[in-house]
Amino acid sequence: MNPEPWALNSVELLQQIGTLIWSTTGDSQVTQELAKLRVGYEIYQRLSGEREMDALRNQTILNICKWVNDHPKASKDEMMKEVGKQIAQFAENVEKM
């Protein structure tokens, strides 16, 4: 997902900062606090369904974009109908979550 293989996302960067502080000072407090935050965030993500919601939203947008690309001469009404269909499918999938 990172454009560069050695790039760190924000969470990984914080974790590495905590590890660096612990390895140079021996103080594990920062590392422990960062670990608690990361675990709490992960639990929230899993319980809230935020990731799944984002994935559904992104898939809906991609589906609409693909349809528009595949139907460049579609009328405005046809586009609106397809967008409405995709949004209805999105809503149905959200209800199933």
PDB file of N, CA and C in Angstrom:
ATOM      1  N   MET A   1       0.825  -1.184   0.000  1.00  0.00           N
ATOM      2  CA  MET A   1       0.000   0.000   0.000  1.00  0.00           C
ATOM      3  C   MET A   1       0.874   1.254   0.000  1.00  0.00           C
ATOM      4  N   ASN A   2       2.028   1.193   0.655  1.00  0.00           N
ATOM      5  CA  ASN A   2       2.935   2.327   0.629  1.00  0.00           C
ATOM      6  C   ASN A   2       3.581   2.439  -0.737  1.00  0.00           C
ATOM      7  N   PRO A   3       3.721   3.666  -1.251  1.00  0.00           N
ATOM      8  CA  PRO A   3       4.346   3.818  -2.561  1.00  0.00           C
ATOM      9  C   PRO A   3       5.818   3.417  -2.549  1.00  0.00           C
ATOM     10  N   GLU A   4       6.456   3.559  -1.408  1.00  0.00           N
ATOM     11  CA  GLU A   4       7.848   3.166  -1.271  1.00  0.00           C
ATOM     12  C   GLU A   4       7.912   1.990  -0.305  1.00  0.00           C
ATOM     13  N   PRO A   5       8.701   0.964  -0.617  1.00  0.00           N
ATOM     14  CA  PRO A   5       8.722  -0.215   0.238  1.00  0.00           C
ATOM     15  C   PRO A   5       9.186   0.063   1.678  1.00  0.00           C
ATOM     16  N   TRP A   6      10.006   1.085   1.883  1.00  0.00           N
ATOM     17  CA  TRP A   6      10.509   1.371   3.228  1.00  0.00           C
ATOM     18  C   TRP A   6       9.718   2.457   3.940  1.00  0.00           C
ATOM     19  N   ALA A   7       8.699   3.003   3.295  1.00  0.00           N
ATOM     20  CA  ALA A   7       7.902   4.063   3.907  1.00  0.00           C
ATOM     21  C   ALA A   7       7.059   3.489   5.046  1.00  0.00           C
ATOM     22  N   LEU A   8       6.848   4.295   6.071  1.00  0.00           N
ATOM     23  CA  LEU A   8       6.042   3.883   7.219  1.00  0.00           C
ATOM     24  C   LEU A   8       4.751   4.688   7.234  1.00  0.00           C
ATOM     25  N   ASN A   9       3.633   4.006   7.522  1.00  0.00           N
ATOM     26  CA  ASN A   9       2.412   4.777   7.715  1.00  0.00           C
ATOM     27  C   ASN A   9       2.479   5.401   9.111  1.00  0.00           C
ATOM     28  N   SER A  10       1.509   6.208   9.462  1.00  0.00           N
ATOM     29  CA  SER A  10       1.551   6.946  10.727  1.00  0.00           C
ATOM     30  C   SER A  10       1.651   6.034  11.946  1.00  0.00           C
ATOM     31  N   VAL A  11       0.884   4.966  11.950  1.00  0.00           N
ATOM     32  CA  VAL A  11       0.895   4.052  13.086  1.00  0.00           C
ATOM     33  C   VAL A  11       2.248   3.355  13.206  1.00  0.00           C
ATOM     34  N   GLU A  12       2.771   2.905  12.087  1.00  0.00           N
ATOM     35  CA  GLU A  12       4.082   2.245  12.115  1.00  0.00           C
ATOM     36  C   GLU A  12       5.166   3.207  12.563  1.00  0.00           C
ATOM     37  N   LEU A  13       5.084   4.454  12.131  1.00  0.00           N
ATOM     38  CA  LEU A  13       6.071   5.454  12.520  1.00  0.00           C
ATOM     39  C   LEU A  13       6.040   5.674  14.027  1.00  0.00           C
ATOM     40  N   LEU A  14       4.842   5.813  14.598  1.00  0.00           N
ATOM     41  CA  LEU A  14       4.724   5.982  16.041  1.00  0.00           C
ATOM     42  C   LEU A  14       5.298   4.776  16.781  1.00  0.00           C
ATOM     43  N   GLN A  15       5.013   3.593  16.280  1.00  0.00           N
ATOM     44  CA  GLN A  15       5.530   2.379  16.904  1.00  0.00           C
ATOM     45  C   GLN A  15       7.058   2.369  16.859  1.00  0.00           C
ATOM     46  N   GLN A  16       7.625   2.760  15.757  1.00  0.00           N
ATOM     47  CA  GLN A  16       9.085   2.783  15.637  1.00  0.00           C
ATOM     48  C   GLN A  16       9.702   3.858  16.528  1.00  0.00           C
ATOM     49  N   ILE A  17       9.043   4.991  16.673  1.00  0.00           N
ATOM     50  CA  ILE A  17       9.531   6.026  17.588  1.00  0.00           C
ATOM     51  C   ILE A  17       9.541   5.491  19.016  1.00  0.00           C
ATOM     52  N   GLY A  18       8.459   4.825  19.412  1.00  0.00           N
ATOM     53  CA  GLY A  18       8.402   4.221  20.746  1.00  0.00           C
ATOM     54  C   GLY A  18       9.497   3.196  20.956  1.00  0.00           C
ATOM     55  N   THR A  19       9.735   2.373  19.968  1.00  0.00           N
ATOM     56  CA  THR A  19      10.795   1.357  20.052  1.00  0.00           C
ATOM     57  C   THR A  19      12.167   2.022  20.153  1.00  0.00           C
ATOM     58  N   LEU A  20      12.382   3.072  19.389  1.00  0.00           N
ATOM     59  CA  LEU A  20      13.653   3.793  19.430  1.00  0.00           C
ATOM     60  C   LEU A  20      13.884   4.419  20.805  1.00  0.00           C
ATOM     61  N   ILE A  21      12.846   5.049  21.351  1.00  0.00           N
ATOM     62  CA  ILE A  21      12.968   5.643  22.692  1.00  0.00           C
ATOM     63  C   ILE A  21      13.287   4.558  23.715  1.00  0.00           C
ATOM     64  N   TRP A  22      12.574   3.446  23.650  1.00  0.00           N
ATOM     65  CA  TRP A  22      12.816   2.344  24.589  1.00  0.00           C
ATOM     66  C   TRP A  22      14.234   1.794  24.450  1.00  0.00           C
ATOM     67  N   SER A  23      14.693   1.612  23.205  1.00  0.00           N
ATOM     68  CA  SER A  23      16.016   1.013  23.004  1.00  0.00           C
ATOM     69  C   SER A  23      17.154   1.952  23.405  1.00  0.00           C
ATOM     70  N   THR A  24      16.935   3.262  23.346  1.00  0.00           N
ATOM     71  CA  THR A  24      18.011   4.188  23.707  1.00  0.00           C
ATOM     72  C   THR A  24      17.967   4.619  25.165  1.00  0.00           C
ATOM     73  N   THR A  25      16.788   4.637  25.776  1.00  0.00           N
ATOM     74  CA  THR A  25      16.683   5.111  27.157  1.00  0.00           C
ATOM     75  C   THR A  25      16.326   4.010  28.148  1.00  0.00           C
ATOM     76  N   GLY A  26      15.772   2.922  27.657  1.00  0.00           N
ATOM     77  CA  GLY A  26      15.316   1.864  28.553  1.00  0.00           C
ATOM     78  C   GLY A  26      13.947   2.158  29.148  1.00  0.00           C
ATOM     79  N   ASP A  27      13.376   3.316  28.850  1.00  0.00           N
ATOM     80  CA  ASP A  27      12.056   3.702  29.358  1.00  0.00           C
ATOM     81  C   ASP A  27      10.988   3.111  28.446  1.00  0.00           C
ATOM     82  N   SER A  28      10.243   2.183  28.959  1.00  0.00           N
ATOM     83  CA  SER A  28       9.240   1.504  28.139  1.00  0.00           C
ATOM     84  C   SER A  28       7.871   2.174  28.212  1.00  0.00           C
ATOM     85  N   GLN A  29       7.736   3.236  28.996  1.00  0.00           N
ATOM     86  CA  GLN A  29       6.441   3.892  29.182  1.00  0.00           C
ATOM     87  C   GLN A  29       5.849   4.382  27.860  1.00  0.00           C
ATOM     88  N   VAL A  30       6.653   5.050  27.027  1.00  0.00           N
ATOM     89  CA  VAL A  30       6.147   5.563  25.752  1.00  0.00           C
ATOM     90  C   VAL A  30       5.713   4.406  24.858  1.00  0.00           C
ATOM     91  N   THR A  31       6.520   3.359  24.806  1.00  0.00           N
ATOM     92  CA  THR A  31       6.183   2.198  23.985  1.00  0.00           C
ATOM     93  C   THR A  31       4.890   1.552  24.471  1.00  0.00           C
ATOM     94  N   GLN A  32       4.738   1.441  25.780  1.00  0.00           N
ATOM     95  CA  GLN A  32       3.509   0.862  26.337  1.00  0.00           C
ATOM     96  C   GLN A  32       2.284   1.707  25.988  1.00  0.00           C
ATOM     97  N   GLU A  33       2.410   3.030  26.109  1.00  0.00           N
ATOM     98  CA  GLU A  33       1.279   3.916  25.800  1.00  0.00           C
ATOM     99  C   GLU A  33       0.913   3.848  24.316  1.00  0.00           C
ATOM    100  N   LEU A  34       1.922   3.829  23.456  1.00  0.00           N
ATOM    101  CA  LEU A  34       1.649   3.715  22.023  1.00  0.00           C
ATOM    102  C   LEU A  34       0.991   2.377  21.694  1.00  0.00           C
ATOM    103  N   ALA A  35       1.432   1.317  22.345  1.00  0.00           N
ATOM    104  CA  ALA A  35       0.821   0.000  22.120  1.00  0.00           C
ATOM    105  C   ALA A  35      -0.638   0.012  22.564  1.00  0.00           C
ATOM    106  N   LYS A  36      -0.921   0.641  23.702  1.00  0.00           N
ATOM    107  CA  LYS A  36      -2.309   0.730  24.174  1.00  0.00           C
ATOM    108  C   LYS A  36      -3.172   1.489  23.170  1.00  0.00           C
ATOM    109  N   LEU A  37      -2.630   2.602  22.656  1.00  0.00           N
ATOM    110  CA  LEU A  37      -3.379   3.379  21.673  1.00  0.00           C
ATOM    111  C   LEU A  37      -3.642   2.573  20.406  1.00  0.00           C
ATOM    112  N   ARG A  38      -2.632   1.867  19.969  1.00  0.00           N
ATOM    113  CA  ARG A  38      -2.787   1.086  18.734  1.00  0.00           C
ATOM    114  C   ARG A  38      -3.803  -0.040  18.917  1.00  0.00           C
ATOM    115  N   VAL A  39      -3.738  -0.736  20.046  1.00  0.00           N
ATOM    116  CA  VAL A  39      -4.698  -1.809  20.318  1.00  0.00           C
ATOM    117  C   VAL A  39      -6.109  -1.236  20.432  1.00  0.00           C
ATOM    118  N   GLY A  40      -6.247  -0.115  21.121  1.00  0.00           N
ATOM    119  CA  GLY A  40      -7.559   0.519  21.249  1.00  0.00           C
ATOM    120  C   GLY A  40      -8.130   0.930  19.903  1.00  0.00           C
ATOM    121  N   TYR A  41      -7.281   1.504  19.066  1.00  0.00           N
ATOM    122  CA  TYR A  41      -7.707   1.909  17.736  1.00  0.00           C
ATOM    123  C   TYR A  41      -8.138   0.700  16.906  1.00  0.00           C
ATOM    124  N   GLU A  42      -7.363  -0.369  16.985  1.00  0.00           N
ATOM    125  CA  GLU A  42      -7.686  -1.577  16.215  1.00  0.00           C
ATOM    126  C   GLU A  42      -9.012  -2.188  16.677  1.00  0.00           C
ATOM    127  N   ILE A  43      -9.234  -2.211  17.974  1.00  0.00           N
ATOM    128  CA  ILE A  43     -10.501  -2.738  18.495  1.00  0.00           C
ATOM    129  C   ILE A  43     -11.665  -1.876  18.002  1.00  0.00           C
ATOM    130  N   TYR A  44     -11.491  -0.555  18.052  1.00  0.00           N
ATOM    131  CA  TYR A  44     -12.528   0.345  17.549  1.00  0.00           C
ATOM    132  C   TYR A  44     -12.829   0.057  16.072  1.00  0.00           C
ATOM    133  N   GLN A  45     -11.785  -0.074  15.268  1.00  0.00           N
ATOM    134  CA  GLN A  45     -11.966  -0.337  13.836  1.00  0.00           C
ATOM    135  C   GLN A  45     -12.751  -1.627  13.610  1.00  0.00           C
ATOM    136  N   ARG A  46     -12.422  -2.640  14.369  1.00  0.00           N
ATOM    137  CA  ARG A  46     -13.100  -3.934  14.178  1.00  0.00           C
ATOM    138  C   ARG A  46     -14.544  -3.908  14.642  1.00  0.00           C
ATOM    139  N   LEU A  47     -14.807  -3.233  15.756  1.00  0.00           N
ATOM    140  CA  LEU A  47     -16.168  -3.192  16.280  1.00  0.00           C
ATOM    141  C   LEU A  47     -17.068  -2.225  15.515  1.00  0.00           C
ATOM    142  N   SER A  48     -16.500  -1.133  15.035  1.00  0.00           N
ATOM    143  CA  SER A  48     -17.313  -0.117  14.370  1.00  0.00           C
ATOM    144  C   SER A  48     -17.645  -0.464  12.924  1.00  0.00           C
ATOM    145  N   GLY A  49     -16.847  -1.317  12.293  1.00  0.00           N
ATOM    146  CA  GLY A  49     -17.072  -1.649  10.900  1.00  0.00           C
ATOM    147  C   GLY A  49     -16.608  -0.556   9.944  1.00  0.00           C
ATOM    148  N   GLU A  50     -15.802   0.376  10.439  1.00  0.00           N
ATOM    149  CA  GLU A  50     -15.325   1.494   9.617  1.00  0.00           C
ATOM    150  C   GLU A  50     -14.585   1.008   8.372  1.00  0.00           C
ATOM    151  N   ARG A  51     -13.731   0.024   8.520  1.00  0.00           N
ATOM    152  CA  ARG A  51     -12.970  -0.470   7.369  1.00  0.00           C
ATOM    153  C   ARG A  51     -13.889  -1.052   6.307  1.00  0.00           C
ATOM    154  N   GLU A  52     -14.863  -1.846   6.754  1.00  0.00           N
ATOM    155  CA  GLU A  52     -15.789  -2.446   5.809  1.00  0.00           C
ATOM    156  C   GLU A  52     -16.620  -1.375   5.110  1.00  0.00           C
ATOM    157  N   MET A  53     -17.026  -0.351   5.881  1.00  0.00           N
ATOM    158  CA  MET A  53     -17.805   0.743   5.311  1.00  0.00           C
ATOM    159  C   MET A  53     -16.965   1.481   4.262  1.00  0.00           C
ATOM    160  N   ASP A  54     -15.715   1.757   4.578  1.00  0.00           N
ATOM    161  CA  ASP A  54     -14.833   2.414   3.613  1.00  0.00           C
ATOM    162  C   ASP A  54     -14.653   1.567   2.364  1.00  0.00           C
ATOM    163  N   ALA A  55     -14.486   0.262   2.557  1.00  0.00           N
ATOM    164  CA  ALA A  55     -14.306  -0.638   1.411  1.00  0.00           C
ATOM    165  C   ALA A  55     -15.564  -0.646   0.534  1.00  0.00           C
ATOM    166  N   LEU A  56     -16.741  -0.698   1.157  1.00  0.00           N
ATOM    167  CA  LEU A  56     -17.997  -0.659   0.391  1.00  0.00           C
ATOM    168  C   LEU A  56     -18.145   0.659  -0.358  1.00  0.00           C
ATOM    169  N   ARG A  57     -17.824   1.753   0.308  1.00  0.00           N
ATOM    170  CA  ARG A  57     -17.917   3.071  -0.326  1.00  0.00           C
ATOM    171  C   ARG A  57     -16.976   3.155  -1.527  1.00  0.00           C
ATOM    172  N   ASN A  58     -15.742   2.721  -1.330  1.00  0.00           N
ATOM    173  CA  ASN A  58     -14.770   2.750  -2.425  1.00  0.00           C
ATOM    174  C   ASN A  58     -15.199   1.861  -3.581  1.00  0.00           C
ATOM    175  N   GLN A  59     -15.737   0.690  -3.272  1.00  0.00           N
ATOM    176  CA  GLN A  59     -16.187  -0.211  -4.327  1.00  0.00           C
ATOM    177  C   GLN A  59     -17.349   0.394  -5.109  1.00  0.00           C
ATOM    178  N   THR A  60     -18.249   1.067  -4.415  1.00  0.00           N
ATOM    179  CA  THR A  60     -19.371   1.722  -5.081  1.00  0.00           C
ATOM    180  C   THR A  60     -18.867   2.805  -6.039  1.00  0.00           C
ATOM    181  N   ILE A  61     -17.920   3.596  -5.587  1.00  0.00           N
ATOM    182  CA  ILE A  61     -17.354   4.643  -6.439  1.00  0.00           C
ATOM    183  C   ILE A  61     -16.672   4.021  -7.656  1.00  0.00           C
ATOM    184  N   LEU A  62     -15.903   2.955  -7.442  1.00  0.00           N
ATOM    185  CA  LEU A  62     -15.242   2.280  -8.564  1.00  0.00           C
ATOM    186  C   LEU A  62     -16.258   1.697  -9.542  1.00  0.00           C
ATOM    187  N   ASN A  63     -17.333   1.126  -9.021  1.00  0.00           N
ATOM    188  CA  ASN A  63     -18.376   0.577  -9.894  1.00  0.00           C
ATOM    189  C   ASN A  63     -18.997   1.663 -10.762  1.00  0.00           C
ATOM    190  N   ILE A  64     -19.263   2.820 -10.161  1.00  0.00           N
ATOM    191  CA  ILE A  64     -19.844   3.932 -10.921  1.00  0.00           C
ATOM    192  C   ILE A  64     -18.857   4.420 -11.973  1.00  0.00           C
ATOM    193  N   CYS A  65     -17.599   4.578 -11.586  1.00  0.00           N
ATOM    194  CA  CYS A  65     -16.578   5.021 -12.546  1.00  0.00           C
ATOM    195  C   CYS A  65     -16.434   4.045 -13.705  1.00  0.00           C
ATOM    196  N   LYS A  66     -16.442   2.760 -13.398  1.00  0.00           N
ATOM    197  CA  LYS A  66     -16.321   1.747 -14.453  1.00  0.00           C
ATOM    198  C   LYS A  66     -17.515   1.826 -15.397  1.00  0.00           C
ATOM    199  N   TRP A  67     -18.704   1.976 -14.835  1.00  0.00           N
ATOM    200  CA  TRP A  67     -19.897   2.054 -15.678  1.00  0.00           C
ATOM    201  C   TRP A  67     -19.821   3.267 -16.598  1.00  0.00           C
ATOM    202  N   VAL A  68     -19.419   4.409 -16.049  1.00  0.00           N
ATOM    203  CA  VAL A  68     -19.309   5.626 -16.861  1.00  0.00           C
ATOM    204  C   VAL A  68     -18.272   5.432 -17.964  1.00  0.00           C
ATOM    205  N   ASN A  69     -17.143   4.808 -17.636  1.00  0.00           N
ATOM    206  CA  ASN A  69     -16.115   4.528 -18.654  1.00  0.00           C
ATOM    207  C   ASN A  69     -16.628   3.575 -19.728  1.00  0.00           C
ATOM    208  N   ASP A  70     -17.373   2.579 -19.309  1.00  0.00           N
ATOM    209  CA  ASP A  70     -17.896   1.590 -20.253  1.00  0.00           C
ATOM    210  C   ASP A  70     -19.052   2.130 -21.096  1.00  0.00           C
ATOM    211  N   HIS A  71     -19.671   3.215 -20.658  1.00  0.00           N
ATOM    212  CA  HIS A  71     -20.830   3.789 -21.350  1.00  0.00           C
ATOM    213  C   HIS A  71     -20.614   5.296 -21.560  1.00  0.00           C
ATOM    214  N   PRO A  72     -19.629   5.664 -22.367  1.00  0.00           N
ATOM    215  CA  PRO A  72     -19.302   7.091 -22.529  1.00  0.00           C
ATOM    216  C   PRO A  72     -20.402   7.915 -23.193  1.00  0.00           C
ATOM    217  N   LYS A  73     -21.287   7.272 -23.916  1.00  0.00           N
ATOM    218  CA  LYS A  73     -22.345   8.008 -24.620  1.00  0.00           C
ATOM    219  C   LYS A  73     -23.690   7.911 -23.909  1.00  0.00           C
ATOM    220  N   ALA A  74     -23.673   7.452 -22.682  1.00  0.00           N
ATOM    221  CA  ALA A  74     -24.917   7.309 -21.927  1.00  0.00           C
ATOM    222  C   ALA A  74     -25.527   8.687 -21.668  1.00  0.00           C
ATOM    223  N   SER A  75     -26.837   8.711 -21.662  1.00  0.00           N
ATOM    224  CA  SER A  75     -27.528   9.975 -21.388  1.00  0.00           C
ATOM    225  C   SER A  75     -27.444  10.285 -19.890  1.00  0.00           C
ATOM    226  N   LYS A  76     -27.788  11.503 -19.572  1.00  0.00           N
ATOM    227  CA  LYS A  76     -27.784  11.926 -18.172  1.00  0.00           C
ATOM    228  C   LYS A  76     -28.760  11.069 -17.359  1.00  0.00           C
ATOM    229  N   ASP A  77     -29.900  10.771 -17.946  1.00  0.00           N
ATOM    230  CA  ASP A  77     -30.896   9.948 -17.255  1.00  0.00           C
ATOM    231  C   ASP A  77     -30.368   8.538 -16.991  1.00  0.00           C
ATOM    232  N   GLU A  78     -29.686   7.970 -17.985  1.00  0.00           N
ATOM    233  CA  GLU A  78     -29.109   6.632 -17.798  1.00  0.00           C
ATOM    234  C   GLU A  78     -28.062   6.646 -16.698  1.00  0.00           C
ATOM    235  N   MET A  79     -27.238   7.685 -16.676  1.00  0.00           N
ATOM    236  CA  MET A  79     -26.228   7.796 -15.625  1.00  0.00           C
ATOM    237  C   MET A  79     -26.872   7.912 -14.247  1.00  0.00           C
ATOM    238  N   MET A  80     -27.886   8.751 -14.152  1.00  0.00           N
ATOM    239  CA  MET A  80     -28.579   8.928 -12.875  1.00  0.00           C
ATOM    240  C   MET A  80     -29.216   7.619 -12.411  1.00  0.00           C
ATOM    241  N   LYS A  81     -29.761   6.873 -13.352  1.00  0.00           N
ATOM    242  CA  LYS A  81     -30.366   5.587 -13.018  1.00  0.00           C
ATOM    243  C   LYS A  81     -29.304   4.630 -12.480  1.00  0.00           C
ATOM    244  N   GLU A  82     -28.144   4.578 -13.145  1.00  0.00           N
ATOM    245  CA  GLU A  82     -27.071   3.686 -12.704  1.00  0.00           C
ATOM    246  C   GLU A  82     -26.517   4.121 -11.348  1.00  0.00           C
ATOM    247  N   VAL A  83     -26.322   5.401 -11.160  1.00  0.00           N
ATOM    248  CA  VAL A  83     -25.826   5.904  -9.871  1.00  0.00           C
ATOM    249  C   VAL A  83     -26.824   5.557  -8.770  1.00  0.00           C
ATOM    250  N   GLY A  84     -28.101   5.750  -9.042  1.00  0.00           N
ATOM    251  CA  GLY A  84     -29.132   5.387  -8.069  1.00  0.00           C
ATOM    252  C   GLY A  84     -29.099   3.910  -7.734  1.00  0.00           C
ATOM    253  N   LYS A  85     -28.905   3.085  -8.757  1.00  0.00           N
ATOM    254  CA  LYS A  85     -28.818   1.628  -8.558  1.00  0.00           C
ATOM    255  C   LYS A  85     -27.619   1.285  -7.677  1.00  0.00           C
ATOM    256  N   GLN A  86     -26.474   1.906  -7.963  1.00  0.00           N
ATOM    257  CA  GLN A  86     -25.265   1.630  -7.182  1.00  0.00           C
ATOM    258  C   GLN A  86     -25.413   2.098  -5.736  1.00  0.00           C
ATOM    259  N   ILE A  87     -26.036   3.235  -5.532  1.00  0.00           N
ATOM    260  CA  ILE A  87     -26.256   3.736  -4.178  1.00  0.00           C
ATOM    261  C   ILE A  87     -27.217   2.834  -3.418  1.00  0.00           C
ATOM    262  N   ALA A  88     -28.257   2.361  -4.092  1.00  0.00           N
ATOM    263  CA  ALA A  88     -29.198   1.428  -3.458  1.00  0.00           C
ATOM    264  C   ALA A  88     -28.485   0.135  -3.069  1.00  0.00           C
ATOM    265  N   GLN A  89     -27.588  -0.346  -3.935  1.00  0.00           N
ATOM    266  CA  GLN A  89     -26.809  -1.559  -3.624  1.00  0.00           C
ATOM    267  C   GLN A  89     -25.900  -1.309  -2.432  1.00  0.00           C
ATOM    268  N   PHE A  90     -25.279  -0.128  -2.385  1.00  0.00           N
ATOM    269  CA  PHE A  90     -24.428   0.250  -1.262  1.00  0.00           C
ATOM    270  C   PHE A  90     -25.245   0.229   0.034  1.00  0.00           C
ATOM    271  N   ALA A  91     -26.409   0.859   0.009  1.00  0.00           N
ATOM    272  CA  ALA A  91     -27.273   0.908   1.205  1.00  0.00           C
ATOM    273  C   ALA A  91     -27.669  -0.490   1.650  1.00  0.00           C
ATOM    274  N   GLU A  92     -27.982  -1.354   0.683  1.00  0.00           N
ATOM    275  CA  GLU A  92     -28.353  -2.736   1.005  1.00  0.00           C
ATOM    276  C   GLU A  92     -27.171  -3.468   1.673  1.00  0.00           C
ATOM    277  N   ASN A  93     -25.976  -3.258   1.142  1.00  0.00           N
ATOM    278  CA  ASN A  93     -24.793  -3.901   1.718  1.00  0.00           C
ATOM    279  C   ASN A  93     -24.489  -3.376   3.119  1.00  0.00           C
ATOM    280  N   VAL A  94     -24.729  -2.090   3.337  1.00  0.00           N
ATOM    281  CA  VAL A  94     -24.518  -1.507   4.666  1.00  0.00           C
ATOM    282  C   VAL A  94     -25.492  -2.127   5.648  1.00  0.00           C
ATOM    283  N   GLU A  95     -26.738  -2.314   5.230  1.00  0.00           N
ATOM    284  CA  GLU A  95     -27.742  -2.923   6.106  1.00  0.00           C
ATOM    285  C   GLU A  95     -27.345  -4.347   6.515  1.00  0.00           C
ATOM    286  N   LYS A  96     -26.643  -5.054   5.640  1.00  0.00           N
ATOM    287  CA  LYS A  96     -26.239  -6.430   5.922  1.00  0.00           C
ATOM    288  C   LYS A  96     -25.083  -6.506   6.916  1.00  0.00           C
ATOM    289  N   MET A  97     -24.389  -5.388   7.092  1.00  0.00           N
ATOM    290  CA  MET A  97     -23.218  -5.389   7.980  1.00  0.00           C
ATOM    291  C   MET A  97     -23.587  -5.632   9.419  1.00  0.00           C
TER     292      MET A  97
END
